[in-house]
Amino acid sequence: MPKIVIAKDTLETLPIPPNGYVLYMDAKTPHLGVRVSPTGGKVWILERRFHGKTVRRTLGDAQRLTYTDAKRECRTVNGDLERGADAVTLTRQSRQASKQAELDGGVTLRDAMTDYLEKKRRAKDDLPLKARTKADYLAMLDVPRLLKNGTMTAGGPLRVLGAKRLKHITADDVRTVHALATGERRKAYCMQVLRAVMNWHGVAIPDSPLGKDQAGKDRIRIMPSRSAKNPIPGKQLGAWWNACMSIAGDSADYYRVQLLTGCRDPRSGRRSPFPRPISAQSRTAMDASHGSAPPVVFALKVSSAASLP
């Protein structure tokens, strides 16, 4: 990075990079520099090697902080770094202490999952988790309940650990939960949920059957999800829709909803695409065989979600 003698006139004439940013270090004051962004913004920074690592701290906007003030702030922050008392270090230590206190205080799996679903961001776009994902995770903790028709729900496989503290969850608990889940995909999803929440809170299970260091014969393998290899080609959607429209009854309504929305089959172990029993519901969709045609409106004549095949 270039070194220059920084003054008021040089700040105003520093070239603006087309992308990224450029650092200009002051030739007079050690560790003091200016970061210039593509938008023309200029920020005072401190940069130095500390304990074998490059440390950079933002000191303030160059339009508001004078060179003299920036030098003073640089010396202050540098002294704080030497003592391990700068703001960034203290904030990091506070967060670590808070997380450790949370663990020592005995956060339960249910509370840990709630915290995870509220704060977790998706890696691909940094957006919050989808509502359906949150519902699927929480369903893992559902306890069995009696329905109005007299049947009892199965409950979620993680229900047995909902009130247990994270640091008390053992390898045997993981195996018990794995055995409770029905179906290979359900078992895999359950293990993925448990592992994600434990990792989020930084809690490791001793001799975990999910760990890579576990012996192969004792390890629980999480099978990757498999997408449909033969989706309906776009050119055939119109024929499929016409076929669905040619039949009648509750089953026809059900399959039309699946074709239009991509809702998953509730028999696969996931929640029904219908959140509650419905007597009638209208949906609008474009006829797949005539993209420019008026919308096709149809009514779902389903007396209750339980009547779906």
Protein backbone atom coordinates (compact mmCIF):
# COMPACT_ATOMS: atom_id res chain seq x y z
CA MET A 1 0.00 0.00 0.00
CA PRO A 2 1.35 3.49 -0.84
CA LYS A 3 2.77 5.81 1.79
CA ILE A 4 2.14 9.52 1.44
CA VAL A 5 2.41 12.66 3.51
CA ILE A 6 -1.20 13.23 4.47
CA ALA A 7 -2.52 16.77 4.69
CA LYS A 8 -5.83 18.51 4.01
CA ASP A 9 -5.05 19.18 0.36
CA THR A 10 -3.79 15.65 -0.29
CA LEU A 11 -6.95 14.16 1.20
CA GLU A 12 -9.07 16.03 -1.33
CA THR A 13 -6.98 14.93 -4.30
CA LEU A 14 -6.63 11.24 -3.50
CA PRO A 15 -7.79 9.21 -6.54
CA ILE A 16 -11.02 7.24 -6.22
CA PRO A 17 -10.69 3.54 -7.11
CA PRO A 18 -13.17 2.06 -9.64
CA ASN A 19 -13.88 -0.87 -7.32
CA GLY A 20 -12.73 -2.22 -3.98
CA TYR A 21 -10.82 0.26 -1.85
CA VAL A 22 -7.30 1.68 -1.54
CA LEU A 23 -5.32 2.32 1.65
CA TYR A 24 -2.90 5.23 1.90
CA MET A 25 -0.63 5.14 4.94
CA ASP A 26 0.74 8.34 6.47
CA ALA A 27 4.50 8.70 6.09
CA LYS A 28 4.75 10.75 9.29
CA THR A 29 2.44 9.04 11.81
CA PRO A 30 3.01 5.29 12.36
CA HIS A 31 -0.03 3.04 11.76
CA LEU A 32 -2.25 5.93 10.56
CA GLY A 33 -3.86 5.74 7.14
CA VAL A 34 -6.83 6.64 4.97
CA ARG A 35 -9.16 4.17 3.27
CA VAL A 36 -10.70 5.44 0.02
CA SER A 37 -13.81 3.68 -1.35
CA PRO A 38 -15.31 3.71 -4.89
CA THR A 39 -18.05 6.07 -3.69
CA GLY A 40 -15.47 8.69 -2.78
CA GLY A 41 -15.74 8.14 0.95
CA LYS A 42 -12.56 8.56 3.00
CA VAL A 43 -12.12 7.02 6.45
CA TRP A 44 -9.23 7.26 8.89
CA ILE A 45 -7.90 3.86 9.89
CA LEU A 46 -5.22 2.33 12.09
CA GLU A 47 -3.36 -0.66 10.69
CA ARG A 48 -0.45 -2.51 12.26
CA ARG A 49 1.00 -5.91 12.99
CA PHE A 50 0.07 -7.15 16.44
CA HIS A 51 0.94 -10.58 17.85
CA GLY A 52 1.79 -11.80 14.35
CA LYS A 53 -1.49 -10.63 12.80
CA THR A 54 -2.57 -7.60 10.82
CA VAL A 55 -4.95 -5.51 12.92
CA ARG A 56 -7.09 -2.76 11.42
CA ARG A 57 -9.38 -0.38 13.26
CA THR A 58 -11.68 2.35 11.90
CA LEU A 59 -11.03 5.72 13.55
CA GLY A 60 -13.62 7.97 11.90
CA ASP A 61 -14.82 9.78 8.79
CA ALA A 62 -12.08 11.92 7.23
CA GLN A 63 -14.66 14.64 6.44
CA ARG A 64 -15.45 15.07 10.13
CA LEU A 65 -12.20 14.12 11.85
CA THR A 66 -9.23 16.43 11.20
CA TYR A 67 -5.73 15.13 10.64
CA THR A 68 -4.73 16.28 14.13
CA ASP A 69 -7.71 14.53 15.70
CA ALA A 70 -7.00 11.40 13.67
CA LYS A 71 -3.40 11.28 14.93
CA ARG A 72 -4.62 11.63 18.51
CA GLU A 73 -7.23 8.89 18.03
CA CYS A 74 -4.63 6.64 16.41
CA ARG A 75 -2.32 6.95 19.41
CA THR A 76 -5.21 6.26 21.81
CA VAL A 77 -6.42 3.15 19.97
CA ASN A 78 -2.85 1.91 19.56
CA GLY A 79 -2.32 2.21 23.31
CA ASP A 80 -5.60 0.37 23.94
CA LEU A 81 -4.42 -2.43 21.64
CA GLU A 82 -1.19 -2.78 23.57
CA ARG A 83 -3.16 -3.18 26.80
CA GLY A 84 -5.78 -5.48 25.18
CA ALA A 85 -8.48 -2.97 26.00
CA ASP A 86 -9.56 -1.62 22.61
CA ALA A 87 -13.28 -1.52 21.81
CA VAL A 88 -13.26 -4.39 19.28
CA THR A 89 -11.38 -6.72 21.62
CA LEU A 90 -13.62 -5.85 24.56
CA THR A 91 -16.76 -6.40 22.47
CA ARG A 92 -15.49 -9.78 21.30
CA GLN A 93 -14.62 -10.79 24.85
CA SER A 94 -18.03 -9.66 26.05
CA ARG A 95 -19.79 -11.77 23.42
CA GLN A 96 -17.69 -14.80 24.28
CA ALA A 97 -18.38 -14.32 27.98
CA SER A 98 -22.10 -13.93 27.27
CA LYS A 99 -22.19 -17.12 25.25
CA GLN A 100 -20.25 -18.99 27.91
CA ALA A 101 -22.55 -17.66 30.63
CA GLU A 102 -25.52 -18.82 28.56
CA LEU A 103 -24.02 -22.29 28.33
CA ASP A 104 -23.11 -22.35 32.01
CA GLY A 105 -26.61 -21.19 32.83
CA GLY A 106 -27.93 -24.28 31.12
CA VAL A 107 -29.83 -23.22 28.00
CA THR A 108 -32.20 -25.97 26.91
CA LEU A 109 -32.44 -27.37 23.40
CA ARG A 110 -35.85 -25.71 22.96
CA ASP A 111 -34.49 -22.28 23.96
CA ALA A 112 -31.36 -22.84 21.91
CA MET A 113 -33.41 -23.66 18.83
CA THR A 114 -35.60 -20.58 19.30
CA ASP A 115 -32.48 -18.42 19.47
CA TYR A 116 -31.05 -20.14 16.38
CA LEU A 117 -34.21 -19.60 14.32
CA GLU A 118 -34.40 -15.93 15.32
CA LYS A 119 -30.77 -15.04 14.55
CA LYS A 120 -29.53 -17.51 11.95
CA ARG A 121 -28.95 -16.10 8.45
CA ARG A 122 -28.78 -18.16 5.29
CA ALA A 123 -25.25 -18.50 3.92
CA LYS A 124 -26.24 -18.03 0.28
CA ASP A 125 -27.96 -14.63 0.62
CA ASP A 126 -27.66 -13.55 4.29
CA LEU A 127 -31.45 -13.53 4.64
CA PRO A 128 -33.39 -14.92 7.64
CA LEU A 129 -34.52 -18.53 7.48
CA LYS A 130 -37.77 -19.12 5.62
CA ALA A 131 -40.98 -19.50 7.60
CA ARG A 132 -41.36 -23.08 6.37
CA THR A 133 -37.85 -23.95 7.55
CA LYS A 134 -38.60 -22.49 10.98
CA ALA A 135 -41.84 -24.45 11.17
CA ASP A 136 -40.08 -27.69 10.18
CA TYR A 137 -37.42 -27.17 12.86
CA LEU A 138 -39.96 -26.39 15.59
CA ALA A 139 -42.04 -29.41 14.56
CA MET A 140 -39.09 -31.55 15.63
CA LEU A 141 -39.86 -30.49 19.22
CA ASP A 142 -43.63 -31.05 19.07
CA VAL A 143 -44.99 -33.24 21.85
CA PRO A 144 -47.73 -35.81 21.08
CA ARG A 145 -51.22 -34.33 21.34
CA LEU A 146 -54.75 -35.62 21.12
CA LEU A 147 -56.71 -34.47 18.08
CA LYS A 148 -60.45 -33.82 18.00
CA ASN A 149 -61.03 -37.07 16.10
CA GLY A 150 -59.48 -39.01 18.99
CA THR A 151 -56.16 -39.85 17.35
CA MET A 152 -52.80 -39.02 18.89
CA THR A 153 -50.07 -37.27 16.92
CA ALA A 154 -46.63 -38.87 16.88
CA GLY A 155 -44.74 -35.79 18.04
CA GLY A 156 -41.32 -34.67 16.89
CA PRO A 157 -38.24 -36.87 17.38
CA LEU A 158 -36.37 -34.12 19.26
CA ARG A 159 -39.17 -33.79 21.83
CA VAL A 160 -37.31 -36.04 24.28
CA LEU A 161 -34.45 -33.49 24.40
CA GLY A 162 -36.49 -30.28 24.33
CA ALA A 163 -36.08 -29.57 28.06
CA LYS A 164 -32.56 -30.95 28.30
CA ARG A 165 -29.61 -28.58 28.62
CA LEU A 166 -27.27 -28.52 25.64
CA LYS A 167 -24.17 -29.33 27.64
CA HIS A 168 -25.91 -32.42 29.08
CA ILE A 169 -26.87 -33.96 25.74
CA THR A 170 -24.91 -37.19 25.25
CA ALA A 171 -24.02 -39.50 22.37
CA ASP A 172 -26.66 -41.96 23.61
CA ASP A 173 -29.27 -39.16 23.44
CA VAL A 174 -28.39 -38.59 19.80
CA ARG A 175 -28.81 -42.30 19.03
CA THR A 176 -32.15 -42.34 20.84
CA VAL A 177 -33.45 -39.42 18.77
CA HIS A 178 -32.19 -41.05 15.59
CA ALA A 179 -34.11 -44.21 16.44
CA LEU A 180 -37.31 -42.23 17.17
CA ALA A 181 -37.38 -40.60 13.73
CA THR A 182 -39.21 -42.61 11.07
CA GLY A 183 -37.83 -42.97 7.56
CA GLU A 184 -34.28 -42.41 6.37
CA ARG A 185 -34.89 -38.86 5.13
CA ARG A 186 -36.63 -37.93 8.37
CA LYS A 187 -33.75 -39.37 10.39
CA ALA A 188 -31.22 -37.41 8.33
CA TYR A 189 -33.16 -34.15 8.65
CA CYS A 190 -33.50 -34.61 12.40
CA MET A 191 -29.75 -35.09 12.77
CA GLN A 192 -29.07 -32.05 10.58
CA VAL A 193 -31.31 -29.90 12.77
CA LEU A 194 -29.70 -31.10 16.00
CA ARG A 195 -26.17 -30.65 14.65
CA ALA A 196 -26.95 -27.15 13.33
CA VAL A 197 -28.31 -25.92 16.67
CA MET A 198 -25.46 -27.47 18.67
CA ASN A 199 -22.84 -25.97 16.34
CA TRP A 200 -24.55 -22.56 16.44
CA HIS A 201 -24.14 -22.48 20.22
CA GLY A 202 -20.64 -23.94 20.13
CA VAL A 203 -21.49 -27.05 22.12
CA ALA A 204 -19.68 -30.26 21.27
CA ILE A 205 -21.10 -33.66 22.24
CA PRO A 206 -18.38 -36.00 23.56
CA ASP A 207 -17.96 -39.04 21.27
CA SER A 208 -20.80 -37.75 19.11
CA PRO A 209 -22.00 -40.36 16.59
CA LEU A 210 -22.22 -37.48 14.09
CA GLY A 211 -18.55 -36.60 14.40
CA LYS A 212 -16.08 -37.33 11.63
CA ASP A 213 -13.63 -38.74 14.18
CA GLN A 214 -16.16 -41.39 15.24
CA ALA A 215 -15.44 -44.94 14.13
CA GLY A 216 -17.31 -45.83 10.96
CA LYS A 217 -19.23 -48.68 12.58
CA ASP A 218 -20.56 -46.34 15.30
CA ARG A 219 -21.18 -43.27 13.14
CA ILE A 220 -24.62 -42.05 12.12
CA ARG A 221 -24.45 -41.18 8.46
CA ILE A 222 -26.48 -38.22 7.27
CA MET A 223 -27.56 -38.98 3.74
CA PRO A 224 -27.63 -35.95 1.41
CA SER A 225 -30.98 -34.86 0.08
CA ARG A 226 -31.77 -35.96 -3.43
CA SER A 227 -33.64 -33.81 -5.89
CA ALA A 228 -36.08 -35.23 -8.39
CA LYS A 229 -34.14 -36.51 -11.39
CA ASN A 230 -37.16 -36.48 -13.68
CA PRO A 231 -39.05 -33.22 -13.14
CA ILE A 232 -41.95 -32.46 -15.45
CA PRO A 233 -40.54 -30.70 -18.56
CA GLY A 234 -41.90 -27.21 -19.07
CA LYS A 235 -43.45 -28.09 -22.41
CA GLN A 236 -45.51 -30.85 -20.78
CA LEU A 237 -46.95 -28.78 -17.92
CA GLY A 238 -49.99 -27.87 -20.01
CA ALA A 239 -50.81 -31.53 -20.66
CA TRP A 240 -50.39 -32.35 -16.96
CA TRP A 241 -52.66 -29.48 -15.98
CA ASN A 242 -55.34 -30.51 -18.48
CA ALA A 243 -55.18 -34.06 -17.14
CA CYS A 244 -55.68 -32.78 -13.59
CA MET A 245 -58.60 -30.64 -14.73
CA SER A 246 -60.25 -33.61 -16.43
CA ILE A 247 -60.79 -35.48 -13.15
CA ALA A 248 -63.02 -34.53 -10.22
CA GLY A 249 -63.16 -34.99 -6.49
CA ASP A 250 -61.06 -34.07 -3.48
CA SER A 251 -58.07 -36.00 -4.79
CA ALA A 252 -58.07 -33.94 -8.00
CA ASP A 253 -58.09 -30.68 -6.02
CA TYR A 254 -55.20 -31.96 -3.93
CA TYR A 255 -53.01 -32.86 -6.87
CA ARG A 256 -53.81 -29.60 -8.64
CA VAL A 257 -52.51 -27.71 -5.61
CA GLN A 258 -49.33 -29.79 -5.65
CA LEU A 259 -48.82 -29.18 -9.36
CA LEU A 260 -49.30 -25.43 -9.01
CA THR A 261 -47.45 -24.74 -5.78
CA GLY A 262 -44.93 -27.54 -5.40
CA CYS A 263 -46.31 -28.37 -1.94
CA ARG A 264 -44.78 -31.52 -0.56
CA ASP A 265 -46.70 -34.67 0.23
CA PRO A 266 -47.63 -34.59 3.94
CA ARG A 267 -47.33 -38.37 4.04
CA SER A 268 -43.57 -38.01 3.58
CA GLY A 269 -43.23 -36.97 7.21
CA ARG A 270 -43.43 -33.22 6.68
CA ARG A 271 -46.31 -31.02 7.70
CA SER A 272 -49.35 -30.84 5.49
CA PRO A 273 -49.28 -28.00 2.95
CA PHE A 274 -52.62 -26.93 4.46
CA PRO A 275 -52.03 -25.24 7.83
CA ARG A 276 -55.59 -25.92 9.05
CA PRO A 277 -58.80 -27.65 7.91
CA ILE A 278 -60.52 -25.62 5.20
CA SER A 279 -64.02 -25.68 3.77
CA ALA A 280 -63.29 -23.73 0.61
CA GLN A 281 -60.38 -21.86 -0.82
CA SER A 282 -59.80 -20.21 -4.16
CA ARG A 283 -56.51 -20.05 -5.98
CA THR A 284 -55.55 -18.45 -9.25
CA ALA A 285 -53.03 -19.86 -11.70
CA MET A 286 -52.06 -19.35 -15.27
CA ASP A 287 -53.01 -22.19 -17.59
CA ALA A 288 -49.61 -23.74 -18.26
CA SER A 289 -50.53 -24.54 -21.86
CA HIS A 290 -51.55 -20.92 -22.62
CA GLY A 291 -49.22 -18.57 -20.82
CA SER A 292 -51.02 -15.45 -22.05
CA ALA A 293 -54.52 -16.77 -21.41
CA PRO A 294 -56.70 -15.41 -18.58
CA PRO A 295 -56.06 -16.95 -15.16
CA VAL A 296 -57.74 -20.23 -14.37
CA VAL A 297 -59.67 -20.01 -11.08
CA PHE A 298 -60.69 -23.11 -9.24
CA ALA A 299 -62.08 -23.92 -5.81
CA LEU A 300 -60.68 -26.43 -3.38
CA LYS A 301 -63.64 -28.53 -2.28
CA VAL A 302 -61.91 -30.12 0.65
CA SER A 303 -63.92 -30.61 3.82
CA SER A 304 -60.84 -31.06 5.99
CA ALA A 305 -57.11 -31.55 5.71
CA ALA A 306 -57.58 -35.08 7.07
CA SER A 307 -59.59 -36.06 4.02
CA LEU A 308 -56.63 -35.59 1.72
CA PRO A 309 -55.32 -38.89 0.31
